[in-house]
N, C-alpha and C. Protein backbone atom coordinates (compact mmCIF):
# COMPACT_ATOMS: atom_id res chain seq x y z
N MET A 1 13.70 -15.93 -31.15
CA MET A 1 13.23 -17.29 -31.12
C MET A 1 14.36 -18.21 -30.56
N ALA A 2 14.03 -19.09 -29.66
CA ALA A 2 15.00 -20.02 -29.11
C ALA A 2 15.40 -21.07 -30.16
N GLU A 3 16.65 -21.48 -30.10
CA GLU A 3 17.11 -22.49 -31.08
C GLU A 3 16.41 -23.81 -30.82
N GLN A 4 15.99 -24.44 -31.90
CA GLN A 4 15.25 -25.73 -31.77
C GLN A 4 16.18 -26.80 -31.24
N GLN A 5 15.56 -27.62 -30.35
CA GLN A 5 16.27 -28.77 -29.80
C GLN A 5 16.59 -29.78 -30.89
N MET A 6 17.79 -30.36 -30.78
CA MET A 6 18.21 -31.38 -31.78
C MET A 6 18.50 -32.65 -31.05
N ARG A 7 17.97 -33.73 -31.53
CA ARG A 7 18.23 -35.05 -30.94
C ARG A 7 19.00 -35.87 -31.95
N GLU A 8 20.17 -36.35 -31.55
CA GLU A 8 20.97 -37.22 -32.37
C GLU A 8 20.57 -38.64 -32.07
N LEU A 9 20.13 -39.40 -33.08
CA LEU A 9 19.70 -40.75 -32.86
C LEU A 9 20.85 -41.65 -32.62
N ASP A 10 20.81 -42.48 -31.58
CA ASP A 10 21.88 -43.44 -31.31
C ASP A 10 21.57 -44.71 -32.09
N THR A 11 22.44 -45.68 -32.00
CA THR A 11 22.31 -46.92 -32.80
C THR A 11 20.98 -47.63 -32.48
N ALA A 12 20.58 -47.66 -31.17
CA ALA A 12 19.34 -48.37 -30.80
C ALA A 12 18.13 -47.69 -31.44
N ALA A 13 18.09 -46.37 -31.45
CA ALA A 13 16.96 -45.65 -32.05
C ALA A 13 16.96 -45.85 -33.59
N LEU A 14 18.14 -45.84 -34.15
CA LEU A 14 18.25 -46.08 -35.62
C LEU A 14 17.77 -47.49 -35.99
N ARG A 15 18.09 -48.44 -35.15
CA ARG A 15 17.60 -49.80 -35.40
C ARG A 15 16.09 -49.86 -35.33
N ALA A 16 15.51 -49.14 -34.38
CA ALA A 16 14.04 -49.11 -34.26
C ALA A 16 13.44 -48.49 -35.51
N LEU A 17 14.13 -47.50 -36.07
CA LEU A 17 13.65 -46.81 -37.28
C LEU A 17 13.92 -47.57 -38.55
N GLY A 18 14.69 -48.63 -38.46
CA GLY A 18 15.10 -49.37 -39.66
C GLY A 18 14.05 -50.26 -40.25
N HIS A 19 12.89 -50.38 -39.68
CA HIS A 19 11.82 -51.22 -40.20
C HIS A 19 10.94 -50.42 -41.13
N PRO A 20 10.56 -50.94 -42.30
CA PRO A 20 9.77 -50.14 -43.26
C PRO A 20 8.45 -49.58 -42.72
N LEU A 21 7.72 -50.39 -41.93
CA LEU A 21 6.46 -49.89 -41.40
C LEU A 21 6.71 -48.81 -40.33
N ARG A 22 7.73 -48.97 -39.52
CA ARG A 22 8.03 -47.94 -38.55
C ARG A 22 8.47 -46.65 -39.19
N VAL A 23 9.23 -46.75 -40.26
CA VAL A 23 9.60 -45.55 -41.00
C VAL A 23 8.35 -44.86 -41.59
N ARG A 24 7.46 -45.67 -42.08
CA ARG A 24 6.21 -45.10 -42.61
C ARG A 24 5.37 -44.42 -41.57
N ILE A 25 5.27 -45.05 -40.41
CA ILE A 25 4.54 -44.46 -39.30
C ILE A 25 5.20 -43.15 -38.84
N PHE A 26 6.51 -43.16 -38.70
CA PHE A 26 7.27 -41.99 -38.32
C PHE A 26 7.04 -40.86 -39.32
N ASP A 27 7.05 -41.18 -40.59
CA ASP A 27 6.84 -40.17 -41.65
C ASP A 27 5.44 -39.64 -41.62
N ILE A 28 4.42 -40.52 -41.40
CA ILE A 28 3.03 -40.06 -41.32
C ILE A 28 2.90 -39.12 -40.12
N LEU A 29 3.45 -39.45 -39.00
CA LEU A 29 3.36 -38.57 -37.84
C LEU A 29 4.02 -37.22 -38.09
N SER A 30 5.13 -37.26 -38.85
CA SER A 30 5.84 -36.05 -39.22
C SER A 30 4.98 -35.16 -40.14
N ARG A 31 4.36 -35.75 -41.11
CA ARG A 31 3.60 -35.00 -42.12
C ARG A 31 2.21 -34.62 -41.60
N GLU A 32 1.53 -35.54 -40.92
CA GLU A 32 0.09 -35.36 -40.59
C GLU A 32 -0.20 -34.97 -39.14
N GLY A 33 0.80 -35.15 -38.28
CA GLY A 33 0.55 -34.83 -36.91
C GLY A 33 0.13 -36.07 -36.12
N ALA A 34 -0.32 -35.89 -34.88
CA ALA A 34 -0.66 -36.97 -33.98
C ALA A 34 -1.65 -37.94 -34.59
N GLN A 35 -1.48 -39.22 -34.27
CA GLN A 35 -2.35 -40.29 -34.76
C GLN A 35 -2.59 -41.33 -33.69
N THR A 36 -3.58 -42.17 -33.89
CA THR A 36 -3.79 -43.34 -33.03
C THR A 36 -3.42 -44.57 -33.83
N SER A 37 -3.35 -45.74 -33.16
CA SER A 37 -3.07 -46.92 -33.88
C SER A 37 -4.18 -47.28 -34.91
N SER A 38 -5.42 -46.89 -34.55
CA SER A 38 -6.54 -47.10 -35.47
C SER A 38 -6.44 -46.20 -36.72
N SER A 39 -6.09 -44.93 -36.54
CA SER A 39 -6.00 -44.03 -37.69
C SER A 39 -4.81 -44.43 -38.57
N LEU A 40 -3.70 -44.87 -37.94
CA LEU A 40 -2.58 -45.35 -38.72
C LEU A 40 -2.89 -46.66 -39.46
N SER A 41 -3.72 -47.49 -38.85
CA SER A 41 -4.18 -48.70 -39.53
C SER A 41 -4.93 -48.38 -40.80
N GLU A 42 -5.80 -47.36 -40.75
CA GLU A 42 -6.55 -46.96 -41.94
C GLU A 42 -5.63 -46.45 -43.05
N VAL A 43 -4.64 -45.64 -42.64
CA VAL A 43 -3.75 -45.07 -43.67
C VAL A 43 -2.81 -46.07 -44.28
N THR A 44 -2.28 -46.99 -43.44
CA THR A 44 -1.24 -47.93 -43.88
C THR A 44 -1.81 -49.20 -44.44
N GLY A 45 -3.05 -49.53 -44.06
CA GLY A 45 -3.68 -50.82 -44.49
C GLY A 45 -3.24 -51.96 -43.63
N GLU A 46 -2.50 -51.71 -42.57
CA GLU A 46 -2.09 -52.72 -41.61
C GLU A 46 -3.14 -52.87 -40.51
N SER A 47 -3.11 -53.94 -39.76
CA SER A 47 -4.04 -54.09 -38.67
C SER A 47 -3.70 -53.13 -37.53
N SER A 48 -4.69 -52.79 -36.73
CA SER A 48 -4.38 -51.87 -35.58
C SER A 48 -3.47 -52.54 -34.58
N GLY A 49 -3.52 -53.87 -34.52
CA GLY A 49 -2.60 -54.58 -33.63
C GLY A 49 -1.12 -54.41 -34.08
N SER A 50 -0.95 -54.47 -35.41
CA SER A 50 0.39 -54.29 -35.96
C SER A 50 0.86 -52.86 -35.78
N THR A 51 0.03 -51.88 -36.04
CA THR A 51 0.46 -50.47 -35.86
C THR A 51 0.69 -50.16 -34.37
N SER A 52 -0.12 -50.75 -33.51
CA SER A 52 0.10 -50.56 -32.08
C SER A 52 1.42 -51.16 -31.62
N TYR A 53 1.78 -52.29 -32.12
CA TYR A 53 3.05 -52.94 -31.78
C TYR A 53 4.22 -52.07 -32.23
N HIS A 54 4.19 -51.56 -33.44
CA HIS A 54 5.28 -50.74 -33.98
C HIS A 54 5.32 -49.37 -33.28
N LEU A 55 4.19 -48.82 -32.88
CA LEU A 55 4.15 -47.61 -32.09
C LEU A 55 4.89 -47.81 -30.76
N ARG A 56 4.67 -48.98 -30.13
CA ARG A 56 5.33 -49.23 -28.83
C ARG A 56 6.87 -49.29 -29.01
N ILE A 57 7.32 -49.85 -30.13
CA ILE A 57 8.76 -49.91 -30.40
C ILE A 57 9.31 -48.49 -30.60
N LEU A 58 8.63 -47.69 -31.35
CA LEU A 58 9.07 -46.30 -31.56
C LEU A 58 9.07 -45.53 -30.31
N ALA A 59 8.06 -45.79 -29.43
CA ALA A 59 8.02 -45.09 -28.12
C ALA A 59 9.13 -45.51 -27.23
N ARG A 60 9.47 -46.81 -27.17
CA ARG A 60 10.59 -47.30 -26.36
C ARG A 60 11.87 -46.65 -26.78
N ALA A 61 12.02 -46.40 -28.08
CA ALA A 61 13.24 -45.75 -28.64
C ALA A 61 13.18 -44.22 -28.49
N GLN A 62 12.09 -43.74 -27.91
CA GLN A 62 11.85 -42.30 -27.70
C GLN A 62 11.83 -41.51 -28.98
N LEU A 63 11.35 -42.14 -30.04
CA LEU A 63 11.17 -41.47 -31.31
C LEU A 63 9.80 -40.79 -31.38
N ILE A 64 8.86 -41.27 -30.56
CA ILE A 64 7.55 -40.72 -30.51
C ILE A 64 7.12 -40.61 -29.02
N GLU A 65 6.06 -39.87 -28.80
CA GLU A 65 5.56 -39.74 -27.42
C GLU A 65 4.04 -39.58 -27.46
N GLU A 66 3.43 -39.70 -26.31
CA GLU A 66 1.99 -39.50 -26.26
C GLU A 66 1.66 -38.04 -26.36
N ASP A 67 0.57 -37.74 -27.04
CA ASP A 67 0.03 -36.37 -27.09
C ASP A 67 -0.76 -36.16 -25.83
N PRO A 68 -0.27 -35.32 -24.91
CA PRO A 68 -1.01 -35.13 -23.64
C PRO A 68 -2.29 -34.36 -23.75
N THR A 69 -2.56 -33.77 -24.90
CA THR A 69 -3.83 -32.99 -25.06
C THR A 69 -5.01 -33.79 -25.60
N ARG A 70 -4.69 -35.04 -25.97
CA ARG A 70 -5.77 -35.89 -26.55
C ARG A 70 -5.73 -37.28 -25.99
N GLY A 71 -6.85 -37.96 -26.17
CA GLY A 71 -6.91 -39.40 -25.87
C GLY A 71 -7.37 -39.72 -24.47
N ASN A 72 -7.44 -41.04 -24.27
CA ASN A 72 -7.86 -41.59 -22.96
C ASN A 72 -7.21 -42.96 -22.84
N ALA A 73 -7.61 -43.75 -21.88
CA ALA A 73 -7.00 -45.07 -21.68
C ALA A 73 -7.19 -45.99 -22.87
N ARG A 74 -8.30 -45.84 -23.62
CA ARG A 74 -8.60 -46.74 -24.76
C ARG A 74 -7.99 -46.17 -26.07
N GLU A 75 -7.84 -44.87 -26.16
CA GLU A 75 -7.39 -44.26 -27.39
C GLU A 75 -6.19 -43.38 -27.11
N ARG A 76 -4.99 -43.91 -27.47
CA ARG A 76 -3.76 -43.18 -27.18
C ARG A 76 -3.27 -42.50 -28.48
N TRP A 77 -3.09 -41.22 -28.42
CA TRP A 77 -2.59 -40.44 -29.54
C TRP A 77 -1.07 -40.35 -29.40
N ARG A 78 -0.39 -40.58 -30.50
CA ARG A 78 1.08 -40.50 -30.53
C ARG A 78 1.51 -39.38 -31.42
N MET A 79 2.66 -38.74 -31.09
CA MET A 79 3.13 -37.65 -31.93
C MET A 79 4.66 -37.67 -31.85
N LEU A 80 5.30 -36.88 -32.73
CA LEU A 80 6.76 -36.70 -32.65
C LEU A 80 7.06 -35.68 -31.57
N PRO A 81 8.11 -35.85 -30.85
CA PRO A 81 8.58 -34.82 -29.89
C PRO A 81 8.94 -33.55 -30.61
N ARG A 82 8.89 -32.43 -29.94
CA ARG A 82 9.32 -31.18 -30.55
C ARG A 82 10.80 -31.27 -30.88
N GLY A 83 11.19 -30.50 -31.87
CA GLY A 83 12.62 -30.38 -32.23
C GLY A 83 12.95 -31.22 -33.42
N ARG A 84 14.20 -31.12 -33.83
CA ARG A 84 14.71 -31.83 -35.02
C ARG A 84 15.35 -33.13 -34.61
N VAL A 85 15.47 -34.05 -35.52
CA VAL A 85 16.16 -35.33 -35.33
C VAL A 85 17.31 -35.40 -36.29
N LEU A 86 18.48 -35.78 -35.79
CA LEU A 86 19.65 -35.96 -36.66
C LEU A 86 19.88 -37.46 -36.82
N VAL A 87 19.76 -37.92 -38.06
CA VAL A 87 20.00 -39.29 -38.41
C VAL A 87 21.35 -39.33 -39.07
N GLY A 88 22.27 -40.09 -38.45
CA GLY A 88 23.57 -40.26 -39.05
C GLY A 88 24.61 -39.30 -38.56
N SER A 89 24.73 -39.15 -37.25
CA SER A 89 25.80 -38.28 -36.72
C SER A 89 27.17 -38.94 -36.91
N ASP A 90 28.19 -38.15 -36.88
CA ASP A 90 29.56 -38.72 -37.04
C ASP A 90 29.88 -39.73 -35.96
N GLU A 91 29.41 -39.40 -34.74
CA GLU A 91 29.70 -40.31 -33.61
C GLU A 91 29.02 -41.67 -33.77
N THR A 92 27.77 -41.64 -34.14
CA THR A 92 27.03 -42.92 -34.35
C THR A 92 27.59 -43.72 -35.51
N SER A 93 27.91 -43.01 -36.60
CA SER A 93 28.41 -43.64 -37.80
C SER A 93 29.85 -44.15 -37.67
N ALA A 94 30.50 -43.84 -36.56
CA ALA A 94 31.90 -44.24 -36.37
C ALA A 94 32.09 -45.72 -36.12
N THR A 95 31.00 -46.41 -35.63
CA THR A 95 31.09 -47.85 -35.35
C THR A 95 30.42 -48.59 -36.51
N PRO A 96 30.87 -49.84 -36.75
CA PRO A 96 30.25 -50.61 -37.81
C PRO A 96 28.69 -50.79 -37.62
N ALA A 97 28.31 -51.06 -36.35
CA ALA A 97 26.87 -51.26 -36.08
C ALA A 97 26.07 -49.97 -36.29
N GLY A 98 26.70 -48.84 -35.82
CA GLY A 98 26.03 -47.53 -36.02
C GLY A 98 25.93 -47.13 -37.48
N LEU A 99 27.01 -47.40 -38.26
CA LEU A 99 27.00 -47.10 -39.65
C LEU A 99 25.95 -47.91 -40.37
N ALA A 100 25.84 -49.18 -40.06
CA ALA A 100 24.87 -50.05 -40.74
C ALA A 100 23.45 -49.61 -40.41
N ALA A 101 23.20 -49.27 -39.11
CA ALA A 101 21.90 -48.79 -38.68
C ALA A 101 21.53 -47.47 -39.40
N THR A 102 22.50 -46.59 -39.53
CA THR A 102 22.33 -45.29 -40.17
C THR A 102 21.96 -45.51 -41.66
N GLN A 103 22.72 -46.35 -42.30
CA GLN A 103 22.53 -46.59 -43.73
C GLN A 103 21.08 -47.18 -43.96
N LEU A 104 20.70 -48.12 -43.12
CA LEU A 104 19.34 -48.73 -43.29
C LEU A 104 18.27 -47.70 -43.04
N ALA A 105 18.37 -46.94 -41.95
CA ALA A 105 17.35 -45.96 -41.62
C ALA A 105 17.26 -44.86 -42.68
N LEU A 106 18.38 -44.31 -43.08
CA LEU A 106 18.37 -43.24 -44.12
C LEU A 106 17.87 -43.74 -45.45
N THR A 107 18.31 -44.94 -45.86
CA THR A 107 17.85 -45.48 -47.11
C THR A 107 16.31 -45.64 -47.11
N GLU A 108 15.81 -46.19 -46.06
CA GLU A 108 14.37 -46.46 -45.98
C GLU A 108 13.59 -45.11 -45.87
N LEU A 109 14.10 -44.16 -45.08
CA LEU A 109 13.45 -42.87 -45.00
C LEU A 109 13.38 -42.18 -46.35
N TYR A 110 14.50 -42.14 -47.06
CA TYR A 110 14.48 -41.41 -48.35
C TYR A 110 13.71 -42.22 -49.43
N ARG A 111 13.72 -43.51 -49.39
CA ARG A 111 12.96 -44.29 -50.34
C ARG A 111 11.48 -44.01 -50.16
N GLN A 112 11.00 -44.09 -48.91
CA GLN A 112 9.57 -43.87 -48.71
C GLN A 112 9.16 -42.45 -48.94
N ARG A 113 10.01 -41.48 -48.54
CA ARG A 113 9.67 -40.07 -48.73
C ARG A 113 9.69 -39.78 -50.25
N GLY A 114 10.57 -40.36 -50.99
CA GLY A 114 10.63 -40.15 -52.44
C GLY A 114 9.38 -40.71 -53.09
N GLU A 115 8.95 -41.91 -52.69
CA GLU A 115 7.72 -42.48 -53.23
C GLU A 115 6.51 -41.63 -52.89
N TRP A 116 6.45 -41.17 -51.64
CA TRP A 116 5.34 -40.29 -51.25
C TRP A 116 5.33 -39.01 -52.07
N PHE A 117 6.50 -38.39 -52.27
CA PHE A 117 6.59 -37.15 -53.02
C PHE A 117 6.07 -37.35 -54.46
N LEU A 118 6.53 -38.40 -55.11
CA LEU A 118 6.09 -38.66 -56.50
C LEU A 118 4.61 -38.91 -56.63
N ARG A 119 4.10 -39.70 -55.63
CA ARG A 119 2.65 -40.03 -55.62
C ARG A 119 1.84 -38.71 -55.44
N THR A 120 2.27 -37.89 -54.51
CA THR A 120 1.59 -36.62 -54.24
C THR A 120 1.68 -35.73 -55.41
N LEU A 121 2.82 -35.59 -56.04
CA LEU A 121 2.97 -34.74 -57.21
C LEU A 121 2.08 -35.20 -58.37
N GLN A 122 2.03 -36.55 -58.60
CA GLN A 122 1.20 -37.08 -59.67
C GLN A 122 -0.28 -36.80 -59.39
N GLU A 123 -0.69 -36.93 -58.15
CA GLU A 123 -2.06 -36.64 -57.80
C GLU A 123 -2.46 -35.18 -58.06
N ARG A 124 -1.49 -34.28 -57.68
CA ARG A 124 -1.73 -32.86 -57.93
C ARG A 124 -1.80 -32.54 -59.44
N LEU A 125 -0.88 -33.13 -60.20
CA LEU A 125 -0.85 -32.88 -61.61
C LEU A 125 -2.06 -33.46 -62.35
N ALA A 126 -2.70 -34.45 -61.77
CA ALA A 126 -3.91 -35.08 -62.37
C ALA A 126 -5.12 -34.24 -62.16
N ARG A 127 -5.04 -33.21 -61.33
CA ARG A 127 -6.17 -32.29 -61.10
C ARG A 127 -5.81 -30.87 -61.48
N PRO A 128 -5.64 -30.58 -62.77
CA PRO A 128 -5.15 -29.28 -63.17
C PRO A 128 -6.10 -28.15 -62.89
N SER A 129 -7.35 -28.42 -62.61
CA SER A 129 -8.28 -27.34 -62.34
C SER A 129 -8.13 -26.80 -60.90
N GLU A 130 -7.48 -27.56 -60.05
CA GLU A 130 -7.24 -27.11 -58.67
C GLU A 130 -6.06 -26.13 -58.58
N GLN A 131 -6.09 -25.31 -57.55
CA GLN A 131 -5.03 -24.38 -57.30
C GLN A 131 -3.69 -25.15 -57.11
N TRP A 132 -2.63 -24.68 -57.78
CA TRP A 132 -1.34 -25.31 -57.61
C TRP A 132 -0.66 -24.64 -56.41
N ASP A 133 -0.54 -25.38 -55.35
CA ASP A 133 0.02 -24.79 -54.11
C ASP A 133 1.31 -25.49 -53.65
N ALA A 134 2.08 -25.93 -54.63
CA ALA A 134 3.37 -26.52 -54.31
C ALA A 134 4.49 -25.66 -54.86
N HIS A 135 5.53 -25.51 -54.09
CA HIS A 135 6.63 -24.70 -54.53
C HIS A 135 7.86 -25.63 -54.69
N LEU A 136 8.30 -25.79 -55.89
CA LEU A 136 9.46 -26.69 -56.16
C LEU A 136 10.59 -25.82 -56.70
N THR A 137 11.72 -25.95 -56.02
CA THR A 137 12.89 -25.20 -56.39
C THR A 137 14.06 -26.14 -56.59
N PHE A 138 14.77 -25.97 -57.66
CA PHE A 138 15.97 -26.74 -57.94
C PHE A 138 17.14 -25.79 -58.15
N ALA A 139 18.25 -26.03 -57.55
CA ALA A 139 19.42 -25.16 -57.80
C ALA A 139 20.66 -26.03 -57.68
N ASN A 140 21.62 -25.74 -58.49
CA ASN A 140 22.95 -26.37 -58.38
C ASN A 140 23.96 -25.26 -58.22
N LEU A 141 24.72 -25.34 -57.14
CA LEU A 141 25.64 -24.27 -56.75
C LEU A 141 27.06 -24.86 -56.61
N SER A 142 28.02 -24.05 -56.83
CA SER A 142 29.41 -24.41 -56.46
C SER A 142 29.74 -23.67 -55.16
N LEU A 143 29.94 -24.41 -54.10
CA LEU A 143 30.17 -23.83 -52.79
C LEU A 143 31.40 -24.40 -52.13
N THR A 144 32.04 -23.53 -51.33
CA THR A 144 33.10 -24.01 -50.47
C THR A 144 32.40 -24.63 -49.23
N VAL A 145 33.12 -25.40 -48.44
CA VAL A 145 32.53 -25.97 -47.27
C VAL A 145 31.94 -24.90 -46.32
N PRO A 146 32.67 -23.80 -46.04
CA PRO A 146 32.05 -22.77 -45.19
C PRO A 146 30.78 -22.16 -45.80
N GLN A 147 30.78 -21.98 -47.15
CA GLN A 147 29.56 -21.45 -47.79
C GLN A 147 28.40 -22.42 -47.69
N TYR A 148 28.70 -23.71 -47.86
CA TYR A 148 27.64 -24.74 -47.72
C TYR A 148 27.08 -24.72 -46.31
N GLU A 149 27.98 -24.70 -45.32
CA GLU A 149 27.54 -24.71 -43.92
C GLU A 149 26.72 -23.46 -43.58
N GLN A 150 27.08 -22.30 -44.14
CA GLN A 150 26.34 -21.06 -43.88
C GLN A 150 24.94 -21.16 -44.55
N LEU A 151 24.89 -21.64 -45.76
CA LEU A 151 23.62 -21.77 -46.46
C LEU A 151 22.69 -22.73 -45.72
N ALA A 152 23.24 -23.91 -45.34
CA ALA A 152 22.44 -24.88 -44.64
C ALA A 152 21.88 -24.33 -43.31
N ALA A 153 22.73 -23.59 -42.58
CA ALA A 153 22.30 -23.03 -41.30
C ALA A 153 21.21 -21.96 -41.52
N ARG A 154 21.38 -21.14 -42.52
CA ARG A 154 20.37 -20.06 -42.80
C ARG A 154 19.01 -20.68 -43.18
N LEU A 155 19.05 -21.64 -44.09
CA LEU A 155 17.76 -22.31 -44.47
C LEU A 155 17.12 -23.02 -43.33
N GLN A 156 17.93 -23.77 -42.54
CA GLN A 156 17.38 -24.47 -41.35
C GLN A 156 16.79 -23.50 -40.36
N ALA A 157 17.43 -22.35 -40.17
CA ALA A 157 16.92 -21.37 -39.23
C ALA A 157 15.55 -20.85 -39.62
N ILE A 158 15.38 -20.62 -40.92
CA ILE A 158 14.03 -20.15 -41.40
C ILE A 158 13.00 -21.21 -41.10
N ILE A 159 13.32 -22.49 -41.47
CA ILE A 159 12.38 -23.56 -41.26
C ILE A 159 12.02 -23.72 -39.79
N ASP A 160 13.08 -23.67 -38.88
CA ASP A 160 12.90 -23.79 -37.46
C ASP A 160 11.97 -22.66 -36.96
N GLU A 161 12.21 -21.45 -37.39
CA GLU A 161 11.43 -20.30 -36.96
C GLU A 161 9.95 -20.49 -37.30
N VAL A 162 9.68 -20.82 -38.54
CA VAL A 162 8.28 -20.95 -39.01
C VAL A 162 7.63 -22.13 -38.32
N THR A 163 8.41 -23.24 -38.14
CA THR A 163 7.84 -24.40 -37.45
C THR A 163 7.45 -24.05 -36.03
N GLU A 164 8.28 -23.33 -35.32
CA GLU A 164 7.93 -22.96 -33.95
C GLU A 164 6.78 -21.97 -33.91
N ASP A 165 6.71 -21.05 -34.83
CA ASP A 165 5.64 -20.07 -34.86
C ASP A 165 4.27 -20.66 -35.22
N THR A 166 4.27 -21.79 -35.96
CA THR A 166 3.01 -22.31 -36.42
C THR A 166 2.64 -23.68 -35.84
N ARG A 167 3.51 -24.24 -35.04
CA ARG A 167 3.30 -25.64 -34.60
C ARG A 167 1.91 -25.87 -33.94
N ASP A 168 1.49 -25.00 -33.09
CA ASP A 168 0.25 -25.16 -32.39
C ASP A 168 -0.92 -24.38 -33.05
N GLN A 169 -0.74 -24.00 -34.28
CA GLN A 169 -1.78 -23.19 -34.96
C GLN A 169 -3.11 -23.98 -35.11
N GLN A 170 -4.18 -23.28 -34.76
CA GLN A 170 -5.50 -23.90 -34.82
C GLN A 170 -6.41 -23.24 -35.87
N ASP A 171 -5.81 -22.48 -36.78
CA ASP A 171 -6.56 -21.77 -37.82
C ASP A 171 -7.28 -22.78 -38.74
N ALA A 172 -8.57 -22.62 -38.94
CA ALA A 172 -9.34 -23.53 -39.75
C ALA A 172 -8.90 -23.52 -41.23
N ASP A 173 -8.28 -22.44 -41.69
CA ASP A 173 -7.82 -22.34 -43.06
C ASP A 173 -6.42 -22.87 -43.25
N ALA A 174 -5.76 -23.28 -42.18
CA ALA A 174 -4.39 -23.78 -42.30
C ALA A 174 -4.32 -25.10 -43.01
N VAL A 175 -3.36 -25.27 -43.89
CA VAL A 175 -3.12 -26.50 -44.66
C VAL A 175 -1.75 -26.97 -44.22
N ARG A 176 -1.62 -28.30 -44.04
CA ARG A 176 -0.31 -28.86 -43.67
C ARG A 176 0.56 -28.94 -44.95
N TYR A 177 1.75 -28.48 -44.84
CA TYR A 177 2.70 -28.54 -45.94
C TYR A 177 3.89 -29.40 -45.48
N SER A 178 4.45 -30.18 -46.37
CA SER A 178 5.66 -30.98 -46.14
C SER A 178 6.84 -30.23 -46.78
N ILE A 179 7.82 -29.89 -45.94
CA ILE A 179 9.03 -29.22 -46.41
C ILE A 179 10.16 -30.17 -46.31
N ARG A 180 10.86 -30.37 -47.39
CA ARG A 180 12.02 -31.28 -47.44
C ARG A 180 13.21 -30.50 -47.91
N LEU A 181 14.24 -30.41 -47.14
CA LEU A 181 15.43 -29.69 -47.49
C LEU A 181 16.55 -30.69 -47.65
N ASP A 182 17.02 -30.91 -48.87
CA ASP A 182 18.14 -31.81 -49.15
C ASP A 182 19.29 -30.97 -49.77
N ILE A 183 20.39 -31.01 -49.16
CA ILE A 183 21.59 -30.37 -49.75
C ILE A 183 22.66 -31.43 -49.85
N LEU A 184 22.93 -31.88 -51.03
CA LEU A 184 23.85 -32.99 -51.28
C LEU A 184 24.89 -32.58 -52.38
N PRO A 185 26.13 -33.00 -52.18
CA PRO A 185 27.08 -32.75 -53.31
C PRO A 185 26.66 -33.54 -54.54
N SER A 186 26.67 -32.89 -55.69
CA SER A 186 26.28 -33.58 -56.89
C SER A 186 27.44 -34.33 -57.55
N GLN A 187 28.60 -34.15 -56.98
CA GLN A 187 29.78 -34.88 -57.48
C GLN A 187 30.71 -35.10 -56.28
N ASN A 188 31.68 -36.00 -56.46
CA ASN A 188 32.61 -36.28 -55.36
C ASN A 188 33.54 -35.04 -55.17
N PRO A 189 33.92 -34.79 -53.91
CA PRO A 189 34.79 -33.65 -53.69
C PRO A 189 36.15 -33.87 -54.36
N PRO A 190 36.84 -32.76 -54.73
CA PRO A 190 38.11 -32.95 -55.34
C PRO A 190 39.10 -33.61 -54.41
N ARG A 191 39.98 -34.41 -54.95
CA ARG A 191 40.99 -35.05 -54.12
C ARG A 191 42.14 -34.12 -53.83
N THR A 192 42.68 -34.24 -52.63
CA THR A 192 43.86 -33.44 -52.29
C THR A 192 45.07 -34.12 -52.92
N ARG A 193 46.17 -33.38 -52.92
CA ARG A 193 47.39 -33.96 -53.50
C ARG A 193 47.81 -35.22 -52.73
N GLU A 194 47.59 -35.17 -51.37
CA GLU A 194 47.98 -36.29 -50.57
C GLU A 194 47.12 -37.51 -50.85
N GLY A 195 45.86 -37.31 -51.28
CA GLY A 195 44.91 -38.36 -51.54
C GLY A 195 45.05 -39.02 -52.87
N ARG A 196 45.95 -38.50 -53.73
CA ARG A 196 46.07 -39.07 -55.09
C ARG A 196 46.94 -40.31 -55.11
């Protein structure tokens, strides 16, 4: 399998993603696939004029693109480009403007994704008679930096492979799953002697 394309978001793209409704639209496209301004209007409760406006901003920042397999002049379907997106590269975060845009975009992305996760979990728990089809794993590990990097690369490779293998799947029994991989230090790294 070819390695997935990675796009590092620059400051302009991060600023475009820094708006709460644009983050929500971006996340919906990520979870649910291609949408129109009308379908996004129904999901978000915003007017189709508003969702259309924010879609144009996301498109100008090249965060989304038109789905060439659907739509016409009146109904434009938008989707995320193939590949992964890196929010908060070292290069972008090196400038004050880039760091501020990174902080705003990441904070909003994680806030909304966390709210969505809790809402979805509560809905599933409220229907105990239905099949439980969520896999939740929690682990706390002590890793060196090379071990962390190796683990992150292995897990991402698995996700990339399955994403590529199933992206265009048309199976009627297929269900969309949202996979979120967060690997964060649970404590500050130890200080070096020089840093004391």
